């Protein structure tokens, strides 16, 4: 009985720790992906604004 408890404590703790760390990394990476997608979306909006501004400037130069 004592051998079984010792085996569980020596093998179970590393397994539990590995699973816990894996879960934490899964959550962190998921949040990181969300943040990156938000930043990419904001960057695309800014690039579209800059592209529109350039188009407006080129149109005004052509009109002159």
Protein backbone atom coordinates (compact mmCIF):
# COMPACT_ATOMS: atom_id res chain seq x y z
CA UNK A 1 0.00 0.00 0.00
CA UNK A 2 2.81 2.37 0.92
CA UNK A 3 4.57 1.58 -2.35
CA UNK A 4 1.45 2.48 -4.34
CA UNK A 5 1.10 5.83 -2.55
CA UNK A 6 4.76 6.59 -3.11
CA UNK A 7 4.48 5.69 -6.81
CA UNK A 8 1.43 7.95 -7.19
CA UNK A 9 3.15 10.83 -5.46
CA UNK A 10 6.37 10.49 -7.45
CA UNK A 11 4.73 9.91 -10.85
CA UNK A 12 1.48 11.81 -10.33
CA UNK A 13 3.03 15.15 -9.39
CA UNK A 14 5.10 15.53 -12.59
CA UNK A 15 2.12 14.47 -14.70
CA UNK A 16 -0.16 16.96 -12.95
CA UNK A 17 2.45 19.71 -13.26
CA UNK A 18 2.94 19.04 -16.97
CA UNK A 19 -0.82 19.11 -17.56
CA UNK A 20 -1.22 22.33 -15.56
CA UNK A 21 1.61 24.03 -17.45
CA UNK A 22 0.18 22.85 -20.76
CA UNK A 23 -3.23 24.28 -19.88
CA UNK A 24 -1.69 27.60 -18.82
CA UNK A 25 0.29 27.83 -22.06
CA UNK A 26 -2.86 27.01 -24.06
CA UNK A 27 -4.70 29.90 -22.40
CA UNK A 28 -1.77 32.31 -22.79
CA UNK A 29 -1.31 31.47 -26.47
CA UNK A 30 -5.05 31.81 -27.09
CA UNK A 31 -5.05 35.28 -25.58
CA UNK A 32 -1.90 36.21 -27.51
CA UNK A 33 -3.57 35.19 -30.77
CA UNK A 34 -6.59 37.37 -29.93
CA UNK A 35 -4.35 40.35 -29.21
CA UNK A 36 -2.43 39.82 -32.45
CA UNK A 37 -5.65 39.65 -34.47
CA UNK A 38 -6.87 42.91 -32.88
CA UNK A 39 -3.57 44.61 -33.70
CA UNK A 40 -3.64 43.32 -37.27
CA UNK A 41 -7.17 44.64 -37.72
CA UNK A 42 -6.20 48.06 -36.35
CA UNK A 43 -3.15 48.15 -38.63
CA UNK A 44 -5.27 47.33 -41.68
CA UNK A 45 -7.66 50.18 -40.81
CA UNK A 46 -4.75 52.61 -40.51
CA UNK A 47 -3.27 51.41 -43.81
CA UNK A 48 -6.62 51.90 -45.53
CA UNK A 49 -6.80 55.45 -44.14
CA UNK A 50 -3.30 56.19 -45.42
CA UNK A 51 -4.13 54.67 -48.82
CA UNK A 52 -7.26 56.82 -49.04
CA UNK A 53 -5.26 59.92 -48.11
CA UNK A 54 -2.70 59.15 -50.81
CA UNK A 55 -5.46 58.65 -53.38
CA UNK A 56 -7.02 61.99 -52.39
CA UNK A 57 -3.67 63.74 -52.71
CA UNK A 58 -2.98 62.21 -56.10
CA UNK A 59 -6.46 63.25 -57.32
CA UNK A 60 -5.93 66.83 -56.15
CA UNK A 61 -2.59 66.98 -57.99
CA UNK A 62 -4.19 65.68 -61.18
CA UNK A 63 -6.92 68.31 -60.97
CA UNK A 64 -4.35 71.14 -60.96
